[in-house]
Amino acid sequence: MAAVEDPKPGPELDALVAEAVMGWKDVRRESGGAGYRGRKPDKLGRFRDARVPPYSTEPREAAAIAARLEALGRAGKFSKELQKSSHVKGVPAEWAPPAELCRAALKAVGAARAGKRPIRPHLPARRAEALRRRKRAHAG
């Protein structure tokens, strides 16, 4: 099992952040192999094809992570994770490099395993049972 600290700053960490934190869908490696592409949500809720920005290496792009986590209601968890990681390295949280911001954001949203897609929430028990009954009714 890989930890969140494992991904090095670069396209793979950027893709993890785009999908797990920023809400992108269908994130995949570009055909040229240089980076990742996916569908990002716009202000109206539609998904547009775009290239994943360099969240883990560019400070301007990493600044959007905090705003997104604030909108998701995970800002407290994010700041706590960022404080932990920066305390270990002996620097103030405000000086954290973009890669540390990305790793703290992944921990804040619950993407506990790097390289794996974030775990989707399970269906409520009643809804799951209703789906099972429908499948059984159609199957036989």
N, C-alpha and C. Protein backbone atom coordinates (compact mmCIF):
# COMPACT_ATOMS: atom_id res chain seq x y z
N MET A 1 0.85 -1.17 0.00
CA MET A 1 0.00 0.00 0.00
C MET A 1 0.89 1.24 0.00
N ALA A 2 0.65 2.12 -0.93
CA ALA A 2 1.46 3.33 -1.07
C ALA A 2 0.88 4.44 -0.21
N ALA A 3 1.73 5.25 0.35
CA ALA A 3 1.29 6.38 1.15
C ALA A 3 1.15 7.61 0.28
N VAL A 4 0.50 8.64 0.80
CA VAL A 4 0.30 9.87 0.04
C VAL A 4 1.63 10.56 -0.21
N GLU A 5 2.64 10.34 0.64
CA GLU A 5 3.93 10.99 0.45
C GLU A 5 4.70 10.42 -0.74
N ASP A 6 4.33 9.27 -1.24
CA ASP A 6 5.08 8.60 -2.29
C ASP A 6 5.17 9.36 -3.61
N PRO A 7 4.09 9.95 -4.14
CA PRO A 7 4.23 10.60 -5.44
C PRO A 7 5.18 11.80 -5.39
N LYS A 8 6.06 11.83 -6.31
CA LYS A 8 7.00 12.94 -6.44
C LYS A 8 6.28 14.11 -7.14
N PRO A 9 6.74 15.33 -6.92
CA PRO A 9 6.13 16.46 -7.64
C PRO A 9 6.25 16.24 -9.14
N GLY A 10 5.16 16.39 -9.83
CA GLY A 10 5.15 16.20 -11.26
C GLY A 10 3.76 15.84 -11.76
N PRO A 11 3.67 15.35 -12.97
CA PRO A 11 2.37 15.10 -13.59
C PRO A 11 1.48 14.10 -12.85
N GLU A 12 2.07 13.07 -12.24
CA GLU A 12 1.24 12.07 -11.55
C GLU A 12 0.56 12.67 -10.32
N LEU A 13 1.29 13.44 -9.55
CA LEU A 13 0.70 14.09 -8.38
C LEU A 13 -0.33 15.13 -8.82
N ASP A 14 -0.06 15.83 -9.91
CA ASP A 14 -1.01 16.80 -10.45
C ASP A 14 -2.33 16.12 -10.83
N ALA A 15 -2.23 14.95 -11.46
CA ALA A 15 -3.43 14.22 -11.87
C ALA A 15 -4.23 13.75 -10.66
N LEU A 16 -3.54 13.28 -9.62
CA LEU A 16 -4.24 12.86 -8.40
C LEU A 16 -5.00 14.03 -7.78
N VAL A 17 -4.36 15.18 -7.70
CA VAL A 17 -4.99 16.36 -7.11
C VAL A 17 -6.17 16.82 -7.97
N ALA A 18 -6.00 16.81 -9.28
CA ALA A 18 -7.08 17.25 -10.17
C ALA A 18 -8.32 16.39 -9.98
N GLU A 19 -8.13 15.09 -9.86
CA GLU A 19 -9.28 14.20 -9.76
C GLU A 19 -9.87 14.17 -8.35
N ALA A 20 -9.03 14.02 -7.35
CA ALA A 20 -9.53 13.84 -5.99
C ALA A 20 -9.95 15.15 -5.33
N VAL A 21 -9.26 16.24 -5.61
CA VAL A 21 -9.51 17.50 -4.91
C VAL A 21 -10.31 18.46 -5.77
N MET A 22 -9.88 18.67 -7.00
CA MET A 22 -10.46 19.71 -7.83
C MET A 22 -11.73 19.28 -8.57
N GLY A 23 -12.07 18.00 -8.54
CA GLY A 23 -13.32 17.54 -9.12
C GLY A 23 -13.28 17.22 -10.60
N TRP A 24 -12.12 16.98 -11.15
CA TRP A 24 -12.00 16.64 -12.56
C TRP A 24 -12.49 15.22 -12.78
N LYS A 25 -12.89 14.92 -14.01
CA LYS A 25 -13.31 13.57 -14.39
C LYS A 25 -12.46 13.07 -15.55
N ASP A 26 -12.40 11.77 -15.70
CA ASP A 26 -11.72 11.13 -16.83
C ASP A 26 -10.28 11.62 -17.01
N VAL A 27 -9.54 11.72 -15.95
CA VAL A 27 -8.15 12.16 -16.05
C VAL A 27 -7.32 11.01 -16.60
N ARG A 28 -6.59 11.29 -17.68
CA ARG A 28 -5.81 10.25 -18.35
C ARG A 28 -4.53 10.86 -18.90
N ARG A 29 -3.56 10.01 -19.15
CA ARG A 29 -2.28 10.46 -19.70
C ARG A 29 -2.48 10.92 -21.14
N GLU A 30 -1.83 12.01 -21.51
CA GLU A 30 -1.91 12.51 -22.88
C GLU A 30 -1.23 11.52 -23.82
N SER A 31 -1.62 11.54 -25.07
CA SER A 31 -1.08 10.59 -26.04
C SER A 31 0.43 10.76 -26.22
N GLY A 32 0.94 11.97 -26.10
CA GLY A 32 2.37 12.21 -26.22
C GLY A 32 3.14 11.80 -24.98
N GLY A 33 2.44 11.58 -23.87
CA GLY A 33 3.08 11.16 -22.64
C GLY A 33 3.66 12.29 -21.82
N ALA A 34 3.41 13.55 -22.22
CA ALA A 34 4.01 14.68 -21.52
C ALA A 34 3.28 15.01 -20.22
N GLY A 35 1.99 14.84 -20.18
CA GLY A 35 1.21 15.21 -19.01
C GLY A 35 -0.12 14.49 -19.00
N TYR A 36 -1.09 15.08 -18.35
CA TYR A 36 -2.41 14.48 -18.23
C TYR A 36 -3.47 15.45 -18.73
N ARG A 37 -4.57 14.89 -19.22
CA ARG A 37 -5.73 15.66 -19.66
C ARG A 37 -6.94 15.11 -18.93
N GLY A 38 -7.96 15.92 -18.87
CA GLY A 38 -9.20 15.48 -18.25
C GLY A 38 -10.30 16.47 -18.54
N ARG A 39 -11.42 16.24 -17.87
CA ARG A 39 -12.55 17.14 -18.03
C ARG A 39 -12.74 17.88 -16.72
N LYS A 40 -12.62 19.21 -16.77
CA LYS A 40 -12.73 20.00 -15.56
C LYS A 40 -14.08 20.72 -15.53
N PRO A 41 -14.64 20.87 -14.34
CA PRO A 41 -15.94 21.56 -14.25
C PRO A 41 -15.77 23.06 -14.42
N ASP A 42 -16.69 23.67 -15.18
CA ASP A 42 -16.66 25.12 -15.31
C ASP A 42 -17.66 25.71 -14.30
N LYS A 43 -17.87 27.01 -14.37
CA LYS A 43 -18.72 27.67 -13.37
C LYS A 43 -20.18 27.27 -13.46
N LEU A 44 -20.61 26.79 -14.60
CA LEU A 44 -22.00 26.38 -14.76
C LEU A 44 -22.22 24.88 -14.51
N GLY A 45 -21.16 24.18 -14.15
CA GLY A 45 -21.29 22.76 -13.84
C GLY A 45 -21.05 21.84 -15.01
N ARG A 46 -20.77 22.39 -16.18
CA ARG A 46 -20.46 21.55 -17.34
C ARG A 46 -19.00 21.15 -17.29
N PHE A 47 -18.66 20.07 -17.95
CA PHE A 47 -17.28 19.61 -17.96
C PHE A 47 -16.65 19.91 -19.30
N ARG A 48 -15.48 20.54 -19.25
CA ARG A 48 -14.74 20.93 -20.44
C ARG A 48 -13.40 20.21 -20.47
N ASP A 49 -12.99 19.79 -21.66
CA ASP A 49 -11.71 19.13 -21.81
C ASP A 49 -10.58 20.14 -21.61
N ALA A 50 -9.59 19.74 -20.80
CA ALA A 50 -8.47 20.65 -20.53
C ALA A 50 -7.26 19.85 -20.09
N ARG A 51 -6.12 20.50 -20.13
CA ARG A 51 -4.88 19.90 -19.66
C ARG A 51 -4.76 20.15 -18.16
N VAL A 52 -4.30 19.16 -17.41
CA VAL A 52 -4.15 19.29 -15.96
C VAL A 52 -3.02 20.27 -15.67
N PRO A 53 -3.28 21.32 -14.88
CA PRO A 53 -2.23 22.29 -14.56
C PRO A 53 -1.18 21.70 -13.61
N PRO A 54 -0.01 22.29 -13.56
CA PRO A 54 1.05 21.78 -12.69
C PRO A 54 0.86 22.20 -11.23
N TYR A 55 -0.10 21.59 -10.54
CA TYR A 55 -0.39 21.95 -9.15
C TYR A 55 0.81 21.72 -8.23
N SER A 56 1.60 20.67 -8.48
CA SER A 56 2.65 20.30 -7.55
C SER A 56 3.97 21.04 -7.76
N THR A 57 4.07 21.78 -8.84
CA THR A 57 5.33 22.49 -9.10
C THR A 57 5.17 24.00 -9.25
N GLU A 58 3.98 24.47 -9.50
CA GLU A 58 3.75 25.90 -9.74
C GLU A 58 2.95 26.51 -8.58
N PRO A 59 3.52 27.45 -7.83
CA PRO A 59 2.83 28.03 -6.68
C PRO A 59 1.49 28.70 -7.01
N ARG A 60 1.39 29.33 -8.16
CA ARG A 60 0.12 29.98 -8.54
C ARG A 60 -1.00 28.97 -8.71
N GLU A 61 -0.69 27.85 -9.30
CA GLU A 61 -1.71 26.81 -9.49
C GLU A 61 -2.08 26.16 -8.16
N ALA A 62 -1.08 25.99 -7.28
CA ALA A 62 -1.32 25.36 -5.98
C ALA A 62 -2.18 26.24 -5.09
N ALA A 63 -2.21 27.53 -5.33
CA ALA A 63 -3.02 28.44 -4.52
C ALA A 63 -4.51 28.16 -4.69
N ALA A 64 -4.90 27.60 -5.81
CA ALA A 64 -6.31 27.27 -6.05
C ALA A 64 -6.79 26.11 -5.18
N ILE A 65 -5.87 25.32 -4.68
CA ILE A 65 -6.23 24.15 -3.87
C ILE A 65 -6.91 24.59 -2.58
N ALA A 66 -6.36 25.60 -1.91
CA ALA A 66 -6.94 26.06 -0.65
C ALA A 66 -8.36 26.59 -0.85
N ALA A 67 -8.59 27.32 -1.93
CA ALA A 67 -9.93 27.83 -2.20
C ALA A 67 -10.91 26.70 -2.47
N ARG A 68 -10.48 25.68 -3.18
CA ARG A 68 -11.35 24.54 -3.47
C ARG A 68 -11.71 23.78 -2.19
N LEU A 69 -10.73 23.58 -1.31
CA LEU A 69 -10.99 22.88 -0.06
C LEU A 69 -11.88 23.70 0.86
N GLU A 70 -11.78 25.00 0.78
CA GLU A 70 -12.69 25.87 1.53
C GLU A 70 -14.13 25.67 1.05
N ALA A 71 -14.31 25.59 -0.27
CA ALA A 71 -15.63 25.38 -0.83
C ALA A 71 -16.19 24.00 -0.47
N LEU A 72 -15.31 23.01 -0.33
CA LEU A 72 -15.73 21.66 0.04
C LEU A 72 -15.96 21.50 1.53
N GLY A 73 -15.56 22.49 2.32
CA GLY A 73 -15.71 22.40 3.76
C GLY A 73 -14.60 21.59 4.42
N ARG A 74 -13.48 21.44 3.76
CA ARG A 74 -12.35 20.67 4.28
C ARG A 74 -11.14 21.55 4.64
N ALA A 75 -11.36 22.85 4.78
CA ALA A 75 -10.24 23.76 5.04
C ALA A 75 -9.58 23.47 6.38
N GLY A 76 -10.36 23.13 7.39
CA GLY A 76 -9.78 22.83 8.70
C GLY A 76 -8.89 21.60 8.66
N LYS A 77 -9.36 20.55 8.02
CA LYS A 77 -8.58 19.33 7.89
C LYS A 77 -7.32 19.58 7.06
N PHE A 78 -7.46 20.39 6.01
CA PHE A 78 -6.32 20.73 5.16
C PHE A 78 -5.25 21.47 5.95
N SER A 79 -5.66 22.48 6.73
CA SER A 79 -4.67 23.25 7.49
C SER A 79 -4.01 22.39 8.56
N LYS A 80 -4.77 21.46 9.15
CA LYS A 80 -4.18 20.56 10.15
C LYS A 80 -3.14 19.65 9.52
N GLU A 81 -3.43 19.09 8.35
CA GLU A 81 -2.48 18.23 7.66
C GLU A 81 -1.25 19.01 7.21
N LEU A 82 -1.47 20.23 6.77
CA LEU A 82 -0.36 21.08 6.34
C LEU A 82 0.53 21.46 7.52
N GLN A 83 -0.08 21.73 8.66
CA GLN A 83 0.69 22.04 9.87
C GLN A 83 1.56 20.84 10.27
N LYS A 84 0.99 19.63 10.20
CA LYS A 84 1.75 18.43 10.56
C LYS A 84 2.97 18.25 9.67
N SER A 85 2.75 18.33 8.36
CA SER A 85 3.86 18.09 7.43
C SER A 85 4.92 19.18 7.51
N SER A 86 4.52 20.43 7.70
CA SER A 86 5.51 21.50 7.77
C SER A 86 6.24 21.49 9.12
N HIS A 87 5.55 21.05 10.19
CA HIS A 87 6.21 20.96 11.50
C HIS A 87 7.32 19.92 11.46
N VAL A 88 7.08 18.82 10.77
CA VAL A 88 8.09 17.77 10.65
C VAL A 88 9.32 18.29 9.93
N LYS A 89 9.11 19.12 8.90
CA LYS A 89 10.23 19.66 8.13
C LYS A 89 10.83 20.90 8.75
N GLY A 90 10.19 21.45 9.78
CA GLY A 90 10.75 22.60 10.48
C GLY A 90 10.57 23.93 9.78
N VAL A 91 9.55 24.06 8.98
CA VAL A 91 9.27 25.34 8.31
C VAL A 91 7.84 25.75 8.63
N PRO A 92 7.52 27.05 8.59
CA PRO A 92 6.14 27.48 8.80
C PRO A 92 5.23 26.96 7.68
N ALA A 93 3.96 26.75 7.99
CA ALA A 93 3.01 26.23 7.00
C ALA A 93 2.85 27.17 5.81
N GLU A 94 3.03 28.47 6.04
CA GLU A 94 2.89 29.44 4.95
C GLU A 94 3.99 29.30 3.91
N TRP A 95 5.11 28.70 4.31
CA TRP A 95 6.24 28.53 3.39
C TRP A 95 6.23 27.17 2.70
N ALA A 96 5.23 26.38 2.89
CA ALA A 96 5.19 25.03 2.35
C ALA A 96 5.27 25.07 0.82
N PRO A 97 6.07 24.19 0.24
CA PRO A 97 6.14 24.15 -1.22
C PRO A 97 4.84 23.58 -1.82
N PRO A 98 4.61 23.80 -3.09
CA PRO A 98 3.37 23.33 -3.72
C PRO A 98 3.14 21.82 -3.58
N ALA A 99 4.20 21.03 -3.61
CA ALA A 99 4.03 19.58 -3.48
C ALA A 99 3.45 19.22 -2.11
N GLU A 100 3.87 19.92 -1.06
CA GLU A 100 3.33 19.67 0.28
C GLU A 100 1.86 20.08 0.35
N LEU A 101 1.50 21.16 -0.33
CA LEU A 101 0.09 21.56 -0.38
C LEU A 101 -0.75 20.47 -1.03
N CYS A 102 -0.22 19.89 -2.10
CA CYS A 102 -0.94 18.83 -2.81
C CYS A 102 -1.13 17.60 -1.92
N ARG A 103 -0.08 17.21 -1.23
CA ARG A 103 -0.16 16.02 -0.37
C ARG A 103 -1.13 16.26 0.79
N ALA A 104 -1.09 17.45 1.39
CA ALA A 104 -2.01 17.77 2.48
C ALA A 104 -3.46 17.79 1.98
N ALA A 105 -3.67 18.29 0.76
CA ALA A 105 -5.02 18.32 0.19
C ALA A 105 -5.54 16.91 -0.05
N LEU A 106 -4.67 16.02 -0.54
CA LEU A 106 -5.09 14.64 -0.76
C LEU A 106 -5.48 13.96 0.55
N LYS A 107 -4.72 14.25 1.61
CA LYS A 107 -5.06 13.69 2.91
C LYS A 107 -6.37 14.28 3.43
N ALA A 108 -6.59 15.56 3.17
CA ALA A 108 -7.79 16.23 3.67
C ALA A 108 -9.07 15.70 3.03
N VAL A 109 -9.00 15.31 1.78
CA VAL A 109 -10.21 14.79 1.12
C VAL A 109 -10.35 13.29 1.29
N GLY A 110 -9.34 12.66 1.87
CA GLY A 110 -9.46 11.23 2.15
C GLY A 110 -8.90 10.32 1.08
N ALA A 111 -8.09 10.82 0.19
CA ALA A 111 -7.44 9.97 -0.80
C ALA A 111 -6.24 9.35 -0.12
N ALA A 112 -6.47 8.30 0.67
CA ALA A 112 -5.44 7.75 1.54
C ALA A 112 -4.36 7.01 0.77
N ARG A 113 -4.69 6.53 -0.41
CA ARG A 113 -3.70 5.77 -1.15
C ARG A 113 -3.37 6.48 -2.45
N ALA A 114 -2.11 6.78 -2.62
CA ALA A 114 -1.68 7.43 -3.85
C ALA A 114 -1.63 6.39 -4.97
N GLY A 115 -1.88 6.84 -6.16
CA GLY A 115 -1.87 5.92 -7.29
C GLY A 115 -3.20 5.22 -7.47
N LYS A 116 -4.07 5.30 -6.49
CA LYS A 116 -5.40 4.70 -6.56
C LYS A 116 -6.41 5.83 -6.65
N ARG A 117 -7.52 5.56 -7.24
CA ARG A 117 -8.58 6.55 -7.30
C ARG A 117 -9.15 6.72 -5.90
N PRO A 118 -9.65 7.92 -5.58
CA PRO A 118 -10.23 8.10 -4.26
C PRO A 118 -11.42 7.17 -4.07
N ILE A 119 -11.60 6.72 -2.86
CA ILE A 119 -12.68 5.79 -2.55
C ILE A 119 -14.00 6.55 -2.63
N ARG A 120 -14.92 6.03 -3.43
CA ARG A 120 -16.22 6.64 -3.58
C ARG A 120 -17.09 6.28 -2.38
N PRO A 121 -17.95 7.18 -1.94
CA PRO A 121 -18.83 6.84 -0.82
C PRO A 121 -19.80 5.74 -1.22
N HIS A 122 -20.10 4.87 -0.28
CA HIS A 122 -21.03 3.78 -0.54
C HIS A 122 -22.46 4.31 -0.58
N LEU A 123 -23.31 3.57 -1.27
CA LEU A 123 -24.72 3.94 -1.31
C LEU A 123 -25.34 3.70 0.06
N PRO A 124 -26.30 4.49 0.45
CA PRO A 124 -27.00 4.19 1.69
C PRO A 124 -27.61 2.80 1.63
N ALA A 125 -27.75 2.17 2.77
CA ALA A 125 -28.19 0.78 2.82
C ALA A 125 -29.53 0.56 2.12
N ARG A 126 -30.49 1.45 2.33
CA ARG A 126 -31.80 1.26 1.70
C ARG A 126 -31.71 1.36 0.19
N ARG A 127 -30.94 2.29 -0.30
CA ARG A 127 -30.81 2.46 -1.75
C ARG A 127 -30.08 1.27 -2.38
N ALA A 128 -29.05 0.78 -1.70
CA ALA A 128 -28.31 -0.37 -2.21
C ALA A 128 -29.21 -1.61 -2.25
N GLU A 129 -30.00 -1.79 -1.21
CA GLU A 129 -30.91 -2.94 -1.18
C GLU A 129 -31.96 -2.83 -2.28
N ALA A 130 -32.46 -1.64 -2.55
CA ALA A 130 -33.44 -1.46 -3.62
C ALA A 130 -32.82 -1.79 -4.97
N LEU A 131 -31.57 -1.42 -5.19
CA LEU A 131 -30.89 -1.76 -6.44
C LEU A 131 -30.72 -3.27 -6.57
N ARG A 132 -30.36 -3.95 -5.48
CA ARG A 132 -30.21 -5.41 -5.53
C ARG A 132 -31.53 -6.07 -5.87
N ARG A 133 -32.64 -5.61 -5.29
CA ARG A 133 -33.96 -6.19 -5.59
C ARG A 133 -34.32 -6.01 -7.05
N ARG A 134 -34.05 -4.82 -7.59
CA ARG A 134 -34.34 -4.58 -9.01
C ARG A 134 -33.53 -5.50 -9.91
N LYS A 135 -32.24 -5.69 -9.58
CA LYS A 135 -31.40 -6.56 -10.40
C LYS A 135 -31.91 -8.00 -10.35
N ARG A 136 -32.30 -8.45 -9.17
CA ARG A 136 -32.83 -9.82 -9.04
C ARG A 136 -34.11 -9.98 -9.83
N ALA A 137 -34.98 -8.97 -9.80
CA ALA A 137 -36.26 -9.03 -10.51
C ALA A 137 -36.04 -9.10 -12.02
N HIS A 138 -35.06 -8.35 -12.53
CA HIS A 138 -34.79 -8.35 -13.96
C HIS A 138 -34.03 -9.59 -14.40
N ALA A 139 -33.26 -10.18 -13.50
CA ALA A 139 -32.44 -11.34 -13.86
C ALA A 139 -33.27 -12.60 -13.99
N GLY A 140 -34.31 -12.71 -13.25
CA GLY A 140 -34.96 -14.01 -13.29
C GLY A 140 -36.37 -13.95 -13.06
